[in-house]
Amino acid sequence: AAIVFASGCNQSVMTAGRDTAPSQAENIDVWPTLDIEVKRSAEDEARVKALLADMTLEQKIAQMIQPEIRDITVEDMRRYGFGSYLNGGGAFPNNNKHSTPQD
């Protein structure tokens, strides 16, 4: 097995006792500079501020939680109003592979 040590970007990499130059994928200098900053909108900022002002602390926390669907009930969903639900990797509502959307 090869031992790889990397120290910082754009430096040599020691692989199994020998130095090699960084590949193009490792060379940060070839990566483009992206200008993708989200542009601020006073209207959007005011809307977000108003929404957050109307939410309780419990609602804000629930929006940041993403529970696994097999670990919560419909009552939990209604009570807490989670931001989203994990439904994958073999998880099914009530552990029933043939659950319907209503489940």
C-alpha atoms as a PDB file:
ATOM      1  CA  ALA A   1       0.000   0.000   0.000  1.00  0.00           C
ATOM      2  CA  ALA A   2       1.262   3.453  -0.870  1.00  0.00           C
ATOM      3  CA  ILE A   3       1.601   6.096   1.795  1.00  0.00           C
ATOM      4  CA  VAL A   4       0.522   9.546   0.693  1.00  0.00           C
ATOM      5  CA  PHE A   5       1.358  12.762   2.529  1.00  0.00           C
ATOM      6  CA  ALA A   6       0.050  16.090   1.279  1.00  0.00           C
ATOM      7  CA  SER A   7       0.966  19.428   2.749  1.00  0.00           C
ATOM      8  CA  GLY A   8      -0.931  22.459   1.476  1.00  0.00           C
ATOM      9  CA  CYS A   9      -2.158  23.154  -2.002  1.00  0.00           C
ATOM     10  CA  ASN A  10       0.085  23.265  -5.011  1.00  0.00           C
ATOM     11  CA  GLN A  11       3.026  21.466  -3.380  1.00  0.00           C
ATOM     12  CA  SER A  12       4.781  18.210  -4.102  1.00  0.00           C
ATOM     13  CA  VAL A  13       3.181  15.011  -2.881  1.00  0.00           C
ATOM     14  CA  MET A  14       5.279  12.260  -1.313  1.00  0.00           C
ATOM     15  CA  THR A  15       4.064   8.890  -2.560  1.00  0.00           C
ATOM     16  CA  ALA A  16       5.763   5.754  -1.258  1.00  0.00           C
ATOM     17  CA  GLY A  17       9.025   7.590  -0.656  1.00  0.00           C
ATOM     18  CA  ARG A  18       9.259   9.530  -3.929  1.00  0.00           C
ATOM     19  CA  ASP A  19       8.253  13.088  -4.792  1.00  0.00           C
ATOM     20  CA  THR A  20       5.870  13.678  -7.667  1.00  0.00           C
ATOM     21  CA  ALA A  21       4.577  16.909  -9.141  1.00  0.00           C
ATOM     22  CA  PRO A  22       0.917  17.688  -8.425  1.00  0.00           C
ATOM     23  CA  SER A  23      -1.502  16.633 -11.129  1.00  0.00           C
ATOM     24  CA  GLN A  24      -3.616  19.215 -12.917  1.00  0.00           C
ATOM     25  CA  ALA A  25      -6.590  18.244 -10.678  1.00  0.00           C
ATOM     26  CA  GLU A  26      -4.516  19.015  -7.566  1.00  0.00           C
ATOM     27  CA  ASN A  27      -3.147  22.303  -8.933  1.00  0.00           C
ATOM     28  CA  ILE A  28      -5.430  25.007  -7.552  1.00  0.00           C
ATOM     29  CA  ASP A  29      -3.936  27.580  -9.936  1.00  0.00           C
ATOM     30  CA  VAL A  30      -5.787  26.015 -12.878  1.00  0.00           C
ATOM     31  CA  TRP A  31      -9.192  26.285 -11.197  1.00  0.00           C
ATOM     32  CA  PRO A  32     -11.337  29.143 -12.513  1.00  0.00           C
ATOM     33  CA  THR A  33     -12.401  31.979 -10.256  1.00  0.00           C
ATOM     34  CA  LEU A  34     -16.180  32.001 -10.069  1.00  0.00           C
ATOM     35  CA  ASP A  35     -18.306  35.056  -9.466  1.00  0.00           C
ATOM     36  CA  ILE A  36     -21.423  33.356  -8.146  1.00  0.00           C
ATOM     37  CA  GLU A  37     -22.180  35.439  -5.089  1.00  0.00           C
ATOM     38  CA  VAL A  38     -25.889  35.566  -4.355  1.00  0.00           C
ATOM     39  CA  LYS A  39     -26.971  39.085  -5.108  1.00  0.00           C
ATOM     40  CA  ARG A  40     -28.794  40.729  -2.212  1.00  0.00           C
ATOM     41  CA  SER A  41     -32.256  42.080  -2.684  1.00  0.00           C
ATOM     42  CA  ALA A  42     -33.805  44.473  -0.164  1.00  0.00           C
ATOM     43  CA  GLU A  43     -37.218  42.961  -0.928  1.00  0.00           C
ATOM     44  CA  ASP A  44     -35.989  39.398  -0.251  1.00  0.00           C
ATOM     45  CA  GLU A  45     -34.171  40.451   2.914  1.00  0.00           C
ATOM     46  CA  ALA A  46     -37.327  42.138   4.247  1.00  0.00           C
ATOM     47  CA  ARG A  47     -39.418  39.056   3.460  1.00  0.00           C
ATOM     48  CA  VAL A  48     -36.956  36.740   5.223  1.00  0.00           C
ATOM     49  CA  LYS A  49     -36.792  39.054   8.231  1.00  0.00           C
ATOM     50  CA  ALA A  50     -40.614  39.113   8.448  1.00  0.00           C
ATOM     51  CA  LEU A  51     -40.864  35.316   8.171  1.00  0.00           C
ATOM     52  CA  LEU A  52     -38.258  34.778  10.882  1.00  0.00           C
ATOM     53  CA  ALA A  53     -39.927  37.335  13.148  1.00  0.00           C
ATOM     54  CA  ASP A  54     -43.184  35.374  12.934  1.00  0.00           C
ATOM     55  CA  MET A  55     -41.539  32.035  13.810  1.00  0.00           C
ATOM     56  CA  THR A  56     -41.121  30.684  17.328  1.00  0.00           C
ATOM     57  CA  LEU A  57     -37.756  29.340  18.475  1.00  0.00           C
ATOM     58  CA  GLU A  58     -39.224  25.807  18.274  1.00  0.00           C
ATOM     59  CA  GLN A  59     -40.233  26.374  14.633  1.00  0.00           C
ATOM     60  CA  LYS A  60     -36.791  27.718  13.721  1.00  0.00           C
ATOM     61  CA  ILE A  61     -35.065  24.716  15.292  1.00  0.00           C
ATOM     62  CA  ALA A  62     -37.475  22.277  13.609  1.00  0.00           C
ATOM     63  CA  GLN A  63     -36.622  23.799  10.224  1.00  0.00           C
ATOM     64  CA  MET A  64     -32.969  22.828  10.747  1.00  0.00           C
ATOM     65  CA  ILE A  65     -33.742  19.203  11.657  1.00  0.00           C
ATOM     66  CA  GLN A  66     -33.888  16.499   8.997  1.00  0.00           C
ATOM     67  CA  PRO A  67     -35.117  13.317  10.704  1.00  0.00           C
ATOM     68  CA  GLU A  68     -35.071   9.846   9.144  1.00  0.00           C
ATOM     69  CA  ILE A  69     -38.596   8.991   8.034  1.00  0.00           C
ATOM     70  CA  ARG A  70     -38.584   5.624   9.820  1.00  0.00           C
ATOM     71  CA  ASP A  71     -37.843   7.331  13.156  1.00  0.00           C
ATOM     72  CA  ILE A  72     -40.758   9.774  13.260  1.00  0.00           C
ATOM     73  CA  THR A  73     -44.526   9.604  13.103  1.00  0.00           C
ATOM     74  CA  VAL A  74     -47.050  11.612  11.132  1.00  0.00           C
ATOM     75  CA  GLU A  75     -47.931  13.259  14.425  1.00  0.00           C
ATOM     76  CA  ASP A  76     -44.272  14.319  14.840  1.00  0.00           C
ATOM     77  CA  MET A  77     -44.333  15.799  11.326  1.00  0.00           C
ATOM     78  CA  ARG A  78     -47.470  17.797  12.077  1.00  0.00           C
ATOM     79  CA  ARG A  79     -46.351  18.873  15.540  1.00  0.00           C
ATOM     80  CA  TYR A  80     -42.806  19.991  14.762  1.00  0.00           C
ATOM     81  CA  GLY A  81     -42.942  20.997  11.069  1.00  0.00           C
ATOM     82  CA  PHE A  82     -39.461  19.705  10.231  1.00  0.00           C
ATOM     83  CA  GLY A  83     -37.615  21.391   7.370  1.00  0.00           C
ATOM     84  CA  SER A  84     -37.313  18.150   5.400  1.00  0.00           C
ATOM     85  CA  TYR A  85     -37.250  14.381   5.831  1.00  0.00           C
ATOM     86  CA  LEU A  86     -34.691  11.753   4.900  1.00  0.00           C
ATOM     87  CA  ASN A  87     -36.409   9.027   2.893  1.00  0.00           C
ATOM     88  CA  GLY A  88     -33.833   6.786   1.326  1.00  0.00           C
ATOM     89  CA  GLY A  89     -31.278   4.111   1.926  1.00  0.00           C
ATOM     90  CA  GLY A  90     -33.892   1.485   2.676  1.00  0.00           C
ATOM     91  CA  ALA A  91     -36.010   3.550   5.061  1.00  0.00           C
ATOM     92  CA  PHE A  92     -39.759   3.267   4.730  1.00  0.00           C
ATOM     93  CA  PRO A  93     -42.624   4.785   6.739  1.00  0.00           C
ATOM     94  CA  ASN A  94     -43.530   2.361   9.524  1.00  0.00           C
ATOM     95  CA  ASN A  95     -40.761   0.078   8.145  1.00  0.00           C
ATOM     96  CA  ASN A  96     -43.197  -1.009   5.425  1.00  0.00           C
ATOM     97  CA  LYS A  97     -41.526  -1.289   2.015  1.00  0.00           C
ATOM     98  CA  HIS A  98     -44.927  -0.985   0.334  1.00  0.00           C
ATOM     99  CA  SER A  99     -46.019   2.174   2.147  1.00  0.00           C
ATOM    100  CA  THR A 100     -48.204   4.563   0.235  1.00  0.00           C
ATOM    101  CA  PRO A 101     -47.718   8.346   0.040  1.00  0.00           C
ATOM    102  CA  GLN A 102     -50.537   8.629   2.579  1.00  0.00           C
ATOM    103  CA  ASP A 103     -48.469   6.603   5.087  1.00  0.00           C
END
